[in-house]
Amino acid sequence: MFPILFLIIGAVVGHELGSVFDYSPSAASAVVGFLFFFIAVWLIKSKANTLAQKDDYQPKIVKILK
């Protein structure tokens, strides 16, 4: 959900920036939207990698059921 939210926010920001800088609002919306999307994916991946290194987030066998 986080990347989709960033995609929408980036599209809105890109549309506004396209109007301000005299670019095509549709093209600016697509470029900035995908840029925000990839930034969100990168943030999630980097956070997941740091959490994977912590011992608290590693799976542990608590009880064996027979």
C-alpha atoms as a PDB file:
ATOM      1  CA  MET A   1       0.000   0.000   0.000  1.00  0.00           C
ATOM      2  CA  PHE A   2       2.895   2.343   0.758  1.00  0.00           C
ATOM      3  CA  PRO A   3       4.310   2.320  -2.820  1.00  0.00           C
ATOM      4  CA  ILE A   4       0.850   2.880  -4.324  1.00  0.00           C
ATOM      5  CA  LEU A   5       0.300   5.833  -1.999  1.00  0.00           C
ATOM      6  CA  PHE A   6       3.671   7.281  -2.998  1.00  0.00           C
ATOM      7  CA  LEU A   7       2.794   6.736  -6.676  1.00  0.00           C
ATOM      8  CA  ILE A   8      -0.403   8.761  -6.287  1.00  0.00           C
ATOM      9  CA  ILE A   9       1.318  11.520  -4.312  1.00  0.00           C
ATOM     10  CA  GLY A  10       4.109  11.643  -6.897  1.00  0.00           C
ATOM     11  CA  ALA A  11       1.583  11.877  -9.734  1.00  0.00           C
ATOM     12  CA  VAL A  12      -0.137  14.834  -8.075  1.00  0.00           C
ATOM     13  CA  VAL A  13       3.190  16.548  -7.355  1.00  0.00           C
ATOM     14  CA  GLY A  14       4.366  15.881 -10.910  1.00  0.00           C
ATOM     15  CA  HIS A  15       1.188  17.312 -12.365  1.00  0.00           C
ATOM     16  CA  GLU A  16       1.636  20.505 -10.364  1.00  0.00           C
ATOM     17  CA  LEU A  17       5.344  20.758 -11.194  1.00  0.00           C
ATOM     18  CA  GLY A  18       4.601  20.197 -14.873  1.00  0.00           C
ATOM     19  CA  SER A  19       2.230  23.140 -14.840  1.00  0.00           C
ATOM     20  CA  VAL A  20       4.712  25.372 -12.999  1.00  0.00           C
ATOM     21  CA  PHE A  21       7.742  24.543 -15.186  1.00  0.00           C
ATOM     22  CA  ASP A  22       5.794  24.602 -18.471  1.00  0.00           C
ATOM     23  CA  TYR A  23       6.190  20.865 -19.185  1.00  0.00           C
ATOM     24  CA  SER A  24       3.459  18.474 -20.183  1.00  0.00           C
ATOM     25  CA  PRO A  25       1.532  17.827 -16.940  1.00  0.00           C
ATOM     26  CA  SER A  26       0.791  14.237 -18.003  1.00  0.00           C
ATOM     27  CA  ALA A  27       4.425  13.395 -18.712  1.00  0.00           C
ATOM     28  CA  ALA A  28       5.658  15.087 -15.546  1.00  0.00           C
ATOM     29  CA  SER A  29       2.971  13.280 -13.569  1.00  0.00           C
ATOM     30  CA  ALA A  30       4.077   9.892 -14.926  1.00  0.00           C
ATOM     31  CA  VAL A  31       7.799  10.517 -14.409  1.00  0.00           C
ATOM     32  CA  VAL A  32       7.527  11.914 -10.879  1.00  0.00           C
ATOM     33  CA  GLY A  33       4.903   9.307  -9.928  1.00  0.00           C
ATOM     34  CA  PHE A  34       7.166   6.425 -10.920  1.00  0.00           C
ATOM     35  CA  LEU A  35      10.121   8.123  -9.263  1.00  0.00           C
ATOM     36  CA  PHE A  36       8.185   8.313  -5.985  1.00  0.00           C
ATOM     37  CA  PHE A  37       7.085   4.684  -6.449  1.00  0.00           C
ATOM     38  CA  PHE A  38      10.671   3.448  -6.826  1.00  0.00           C
ATOM     39  CA  ILE A  39      11.788   5.548  -3.853  1.00  0.00           C
ATOM     40  CA  ALA A  40       9.076   3.900  -1.732  1.00  0.00           C
ATOM     41  CA  VAL A  41      10.137   0.414  -2.857  1.00  0.00           C
ATOM     42  CA  TRP A  42      13.777   1.251  -2.101  1.00  0.00           C
ATOM     43  CA  LEU A  43      12.836   2.526   1.385  1.00  0.00           C
ATOM     44  CA  ILE A  44      10.882  -0.628   2.157  1.00  0.00           C
ATOM     45  CA  LYS A  45      13.678  -2.873   0.895  1.00  0.00           C
ATOM     46  CA  SER A  46      16.363  -1.060   2.874  1.00  0.00           C
ATOM     47  CA  LYS A  47      14.257  -1.158   6.047  1.00  0.00           C
ATOM     48  CA  ALA A  48      13.569  -4.871   5.544  1.00  0.00           C
ATOM     49  CA  ASN A  49      17.270  -5.593   5.111  1.00  0.00           C
ATOM     50  CA  THR A  50      18.171  -3.827   8.342  1.00  0.00           C
ATOM     51  CA  LEU A  51      15.383  -5.590  10.246  1.00  0.00           C
ATOM     52  CA  ALA A  52      16.444  -8.973   8.839  1.00  0.00           C
ATOM     53  CA  GLN A  53      19.832  -8.536  10.502  1.00  0.00           C
ATOM     54  CA  LYS A  54      18.305  -8.158  13.966  1.00  0.00           C
ATOM     55  CA  ASP A  55      17.958 -11.226  16.127  1.00  0.00           C
ATOM     56  CA  ASP A  56      14.473 -10.223  17.291  1.00  0.00           C
ATOM     57  CA  TYR A  57      13.080 -10.696  13.789  1.00  0.00           C
ATOM     58  CA  GLN A  58      14.538 -14.150  13.176  1.00  0.00           C
ATOM     59  CA  PRO A  59      12.168 -17.125  13.426  1.00  0.00           C
ATOM     60  CA  LYS A  60      12.552 -19.334  16.486  1.00  0.00           C
ATOM     61  CA  ILE A  61      11.116 -22.736  17.348  1.00  0.00           C
ATOM     62  CA  VAL A  62       9.155 -22.232  20.537  1.00  0.00           C
ATOM     63  CA  LYS A  63       7.473 -25.610  20.968  1.00  0.00           C
ATOM     64  CA  ILE A  64       7.423 -28.878  19.081  1.00  0.00           C
ATOM     65  CA  LEU A  65       3.949 -30.365  18.748  1.00  0.00           C
ATOM     66  CA  LYS A  66       3.563 -34.135  18.526  1.00  0.00           C
END
